[in-house]
Amino acid sequence: MCDPVLDLQDIHRTYVTEAGQLDVLKGASLSLQPGEIVGLIGPSGSGKSSLLHAAGLLERPDGGDVIIGGAATRDLSDRERTALRRSEVGFVYQFHHLLPEFDALENVVLPQLVAGASERQAREHATSLLSGLGLADRLTHSPAQLSGGEQQRVAIARALANQPHVLLADEPTGNLDPATSDNVFSALQSAVKDRGAAALVATHNHQLAERMDRVVSLVEGQLVPFQQA
């Protein structure tokens, strides 16, 4: 077995609310292998988004460590975490958050320019990604001119633009009808496996989860293998 692309080790996360201390994650651990897509399920408020934010270095856990590509992140500075996140992690959300003033191609070019790619390289790579996701004839369309499913596929291409090894998705098909949801997940699945990345996908859709390599559930702040009833 290869070394994990993403290794969550004993992650703890606590929030202080008006009602007192809220322990959301209580030692959550999970390893993802190259090419693996893992479903993450759990009721609203169980901590799925908190886990994804910790895994993607958007928030520091209160305990434990996030290992990305063999690199421990617990003691990294904020600048080092940001650099690692930009190069190694891609995010896809329920709502695509595309920039409305830019067309599909430009939305995928921009993160590459921020990362230091030349405009020519960025445009060629963006065109390849979008074409691979079935959007070759939609490159110059603005988000407003795209369907919901097309917008999510652009968001997937954007998440993959800097060739991350880890893809984190929070309800990526939750705003789509079943048929479109199926198509978008197929596109995500192909993109991840073709690149040997690893994906952690939070979803309420158990039918969608069944298409993943395995499924884990957040139960009382810890990750356990999901058992189908």
Protein backbone atom coordinates (compact mmCIF):
# COMPACT_ATOMS: atom_id res chain seq x y z
CA MET A 1 0.00 0.00 0.00
CA CYS A 2 1.24 3.50 -0.85
CA ASP A 3 1.79 6.21 1.71
CA PRO A 4 -1.41 8.14 2.45
CA VAL A 5 -2.05 11.32 0.51
CA LEU A 6 -3.99 12.68 3.47
CA ASP A 7 -3.64 11.41 7.03
CA LEU A 8 -5.83 12.87 9.78
CA GLN A 9 -4.40 11.88 13.13
CA ASP A 10 -6.52 12.20 16.29
CA ILE A 11 -8.15 15.50 15.28
CA HIS A 12 -9.87 17.49 18.04
CA ARG A 13 -11.90 20.66 17.52
CA THR A 14 -13.69 22.64 20.21
CA TYR A 15 -15.79 25.79 19.87
CA VAL A 16 -16.80 28.18 22.62
CA THR A 17 -20.44 29.23 22.31
CA GLU A 18 -22.84 31.25 24.46
CA ALA A 19 -24.11 27.94 25.81
CA GLY A 20 -20.61 26.85 26.75
CA GLN A 21 -17.87 24.64 25.28
CA LEU A 22 -18.85 22.51 22.29
CA ASP A 23 -16.58 19.56 21.51
CA VAL A 24 -17.23 18.77 17.84
CA LEU A 25 -14.29 16.54 16.90
CA LYS A 26 -12.99 14.18 19.58
CA GLY A 27 -10.10 12.28 18.07
CA ALA A 28 -11.16 11.84 14.44
CA SER A 29 -8.64 9.82 12.41
CA LEU A 30 -8.63 8.87 8.73
CA SER A 31 -6.13 8.03 5.97
CA LEU A 32 -6.74 8.45 2.24
CA GLN A 33 -4.73 6.62 -0.41
CA PRO A 34 -3.89 7.90 -3.92
CA GLY A 35 -6.90 7.54 -6.24
CA GLU A 36 -9.29 6.91 -3.35
CA ILE A 37 -12.63 8.68 -2.94
CA VAL A 38 -14.06 8.47 0.57
CA GLY A 39 -17.58 9.53 1.48
CA LEU A 40 -18.17 11.42 4.72
CA ILE A 41 -21.65 11.28 6.19
CA GLY A 42 -23.28 12.40 9.42
CA PRO A 43 -26.23 14.50 10.53
CA SER A 44 -26.16 18.29 10.32
CA GLY A 45 -24.06 19.67 13.13
CA SER A 46 -22.00 16.51 13.52
CA GLY A 47 -18.79 18.25 12.46
CA LYS A 48 -18.38 17.34 8.77
CA SER A 49 -17.51 20.89 7.72
CA SER A 50 -15.20 21.32 10.71
CA LEU A 51 -13.34 18.17 9.69
CA LEU A 52 -13.00 19.37 6.09
CA HIS A 53 -11.78 22.78 7.24
CA ALA A 54 -9.15 21.13 9.43
CA ALA A 55 -8.15 18.70 6.65
CA GLY A 56 -7.81 21.59 4.19
CA LEU A 57 -5.75 23.73 6.58
CA LEU A 58 -8.44 26.40 6.75
CA GLU A 59 -8.65 25.96 10.52
CA ARG A 60 -6.12 24.69 13.03
CA PRO A 61 -7.35 21.72 15.05
CA ASP A 62 -7.12 22.01 18.81
CA GLY A 63 -5.36 18.66 18.94
CA GLY A 64 -3.91 16.09 16.57
CA ASP A 65 -2.21 16.64 13.24
CA VAL A 66 -3.00 16.80 9.53
CA ILE A 67 -0.41 15.07 7.35
CA ILE A 68 -0.50 15.99 3.66
CA GLY A 69 1.81 14.15 1.29
CA GLY A 70 3.90 13.01 4.24
CA ALA A 71 4.31 16.55 5.60
CA ALA A 72 3.11 17.26 9.15
CA THR A 73 1.32 20.61 9.41
CA ARG A 74 0.79 21.13 13.15
CA ASP A 75 3.84 23.34 13.63
CA LEU A 76 3.73 25.20 10.32
CA SER A 77 3.31 28.98 10.29
CA ASP A 78 0.18 30.49 8.77
CA ARG A 79 2.19 31.43 5.67
CA GLU A 80 3.51 27.88 5.28
CA ARG A 81 0.03 26.44 5.74
CA THR A 82 -1.35 28.79 3.08
CA ALA A 83 1.38 27.81 0.62
CA LEU A 84 0.78 24.10 1.23
CA ARG A 85 -2.98 24.52 0.90
CA ARG A 86 -2.62 26.33 -2.42
CA SER A 87 -0.36 23.68 -3.90
CA GLU A 88 -1.80 20.49 -2.41
CA VAL A 89 -5.50 21.02 -1.66
CA GLY A 90 -8.53 21.73 -3.86
CA PHE A 91 -12.01 22.61 -2.56
CA VAL A 92 -15.47 22.11 -4.06
CA TYR A 93 -18.53 23.42 -2.22
CA GLN A 94 -22.29 22.98 -2.54
CA PHE A 95 -22.49 26.43 -4.10
CA HIS A 96 -19.87 26.86 -6.79
CA HIS A 97 -18.71 30.39 -5.80
CA LEU A 98 -17.52 31.13 -9.34
CA LEU A 99 -16.53 34.72 -10.05
CA PRO A 100 -19.51 36.08 -12.03
CA GLU A 101 -17.53 38.67 -13.99
CA PHE A 102 -15.25 36.02 -15.53
CA ASP A 103 -16.07 33.26 -17.99
CA ALA A 104 -15.56 29.56 -17.33
CA LEU A 105 -12.02 29.50 -18.70
CA GLU A 106 -10.96 32.57 -16.75
CA ASN A 107 -12.33 31.12 -13.50
CA VAL A 108 -9.98 28.15 -13.92
CA VAL A 109 -7.04 30.27 -15.16
CA LEU A 110 -7.02 32.67 -12.19
CA PRO A 111 -5.89 30.29 -9.41
CA GLN A 112 -3.03 29.15 -11.65
CA LEU A 113 -1.87 32.73 -12.17
CA VAL A 114 -1.96 33.29 -8.41
CA ALA A 115 0.22 30.19 -8.03
CA GLY A 116 2.76 31.59 -10.49
CA ALA A 117 1.90 29.90 -13.79
CA SER A 118 2.27 31.83 -17.03
CA GLU A 119 -0.94 32.93 -18.74
CA ARG A 120 -0.25 30.63 -21.68
CA GLN A 121 0.31 27.61 -19.43
CA ALA A 122 -2.74 28.45 -17.35
CA ARG A 123 -5.04 28.81 -20.35
CA GLU A 124 -3.83 25.57 -21.93
CA HIS A 125 -4.27 23.64 -18.68
CA ALA A 126 -7.67 25.21 -17.99
CA THR A 127 -8.85 24.33 -21.50
CA SER A 128 -7.70 20.74 -21.03
CA LEU A 129 -9.45 20.41 -17.65
CA LEU A 130 -12.72 21.92 -18.82
CA SER A 131 -12.72 19.88 -22.02
CA GLY A 132 -12.14 16.72 -20.01
CA LEU A 133 -15.22 17.61 -17.96
CA GLY A 134 -17.35 18.00 -21.09
CA LEU A 135 -17.25 21.79 -21.27
CA ALA A 136 -15.16 22.35 -24.41
CA ASP A 137 -17.95 24.37 -26.01
CA ARG A 138 -18.67 26.45 -22.89
CA LEU A 139 -15.25 28.00 -22.23
CA THR A 140 -16.29 31.58 -22.94
CA HIS A 141 -19.65 31.40 -21.17
CA SER A 142 -20.15 33.33 -17.94
CA PRO A 143 -21.46 31.49 -14.88
CA ALA A 144 -24.88 33.05 -15.46
CA GLN A 145 -24.98 31.38 -18.89
CA LEU A 146 -24.22 27.92 -17.49
CA SER A 147 -26.57 25.38 -15.92
CA GLY A 148 -26.12 24.36 -12.29
CA GLY A 149 -24.37 21.17 -13.28
CA GLU A 150 -22.06 23.02 -15.67
CA GLN A 151 -21.19 25.53 -12.98
CA GLN A 152 -20.25 22.73 -10.59
CA ARG A 153 -18.06 21.12 -13.24
CA VAL A 154 -16.27 24.45 -13.68
CA ALA A 155 -15.83 24.52 -9.90
CA ILE A 156 -14.30 21.03 -10.03
CA ALA A 157 -11.91 22.14 -12.79
CA ARG A 158 -10.96 25.18 -10.71
CA ALA A 159 -10.32 22.97 -7.68
CA LEU A 160 -8.02 20.78 -9.79
CA ALA A 161 -6.30 23.69 -11.56
CA ASN A 162 -3.12 23.62 -9.48
CA GLN A 163 -2.96 19.81 -9.58
CA PRO A 164 -3.60 19.23 -5.88
CA HIS A 165 -3.15 15.81 -4.36
CA VAL A 166 -6.13 16.28 -2.01
CA LEU A 167 -9.65 17.24 -3.08
CA LEU A 168 -12.15 18.16 -0.37
CA ALA A 169 -15.81 18.48 -1.32
CA ASP A 170 -18.62 19.71 0.96
CA GLU A 171 -22.01 18.64 -0.42
CA PRO A 172 -20.81 19.21 -4.01
CA THR A 173 -24.08 17.93 -5.52
CA GLY A 174 -26.44 19.03 -2.77
CA ASN A 175 -27.95 21.83 -4.85
CA LEU A 176 -28.55 19.71 -7.96
CA ASP A 177 -31.31 17.42 -9.22
CA PRO A 178 -30.58 13.64 -9.10
CA ALA A 179 -29.61 13.25 -12.77
CA THR A 180 -27.31 16.28 -12.74
CA SER A 181 -25.90 15.19 -9.39
CA ASP A 182 -24.99 11.82 -10.90
CA ASN A 183 -23.24 13.45 -13.87
CA VAL A 184 -21.29 15.88 -11.70
CA PHE A 185 -20.11 13.13 -9.36
CA SER A 186 -19.03 11.01 -12.34
CA ALA A 187 -16.96 13.94 -13.57
CA LEU A 188 -15.41 14.44 -10.14
CA GLN A 189 -14.71 10.71 -9.82
CA SER A 190 -12.96 10.51 -13.18
CA ALA A 191 -10.93 13.66 -12.56
CA VAL A 192 -9.67 12.44 -9.18
CA LYS A 193 -8.78 8.92 -10.28
CA ASP A 194 -7.15 10.03 -13.54
CA ARG A 195 -4.77 12.22 -11.54
CA GLY A 196 -4.08 9.84 -8.66
CA ALA A 197 -5.39 12.35 -6.16
CA ALA A 198 -7.53 11.51 -3.13
CA ALA A 199 -10.91 12.97 -2.28
CA LEU A 200 -12.98 13.31 0.88
CA VAL A 201 -16.59 14.08 -0.02
CA ALA A 202 -19.15 15.13 2.59
CA THR A 203 -22.69 14.31 1.51
CA HIS A 204 -26.19 13.64 2.82
CA ASN A 205 -26.90 11.56 -0.28
CA HIS A 206 -26.44 7.91 0.70
CA GLN A 207 -26.97 6.73 -2.89
CA LEU A 208 -24.10 8.93 -3.97
CA ALA A 209 -21.99 7.72 -1.05
CA GLU A 210 -22.47 4.12 -2.18
CA ARG A 211 -20.56 4.95 -5.39
CA MET A 212 -17.45 5.90 -3.44
CA ASP A 213 -14.61 3.56 -2.53
CA ARG A 214 -15.68 3.55 1.10
CA VAL A 215 -17.77 5.62 3.48
CA VAL A 216 -17.06 6.86 6.99
CA SER A 217 -19.50 8.41 9.43
CA LEU A 218 -18.94 11.04 12.11
CA VAL A 219 -20.31 9.61 15.34
CA GLU A 220 -19.84 11.56 18.57
CA GLY A 221 -16.82 13.37 17.14
CA GLN A 222 -15.03 10.30 15.80
CA LEU A 223 -14.86 8.64 12.39
CA VAL A 224 -16.15 5.08 12.07
CA PRO A 225 -16.82 2.88 9.01
CA PHE A 226 -20.38 3.44 7.82
CA GLN A 227 -22.63 0.42 8.24
CA GLN A 228 -25.56 0.30 5.83
CA ALA A 229 -28.81 -0.40 7.71
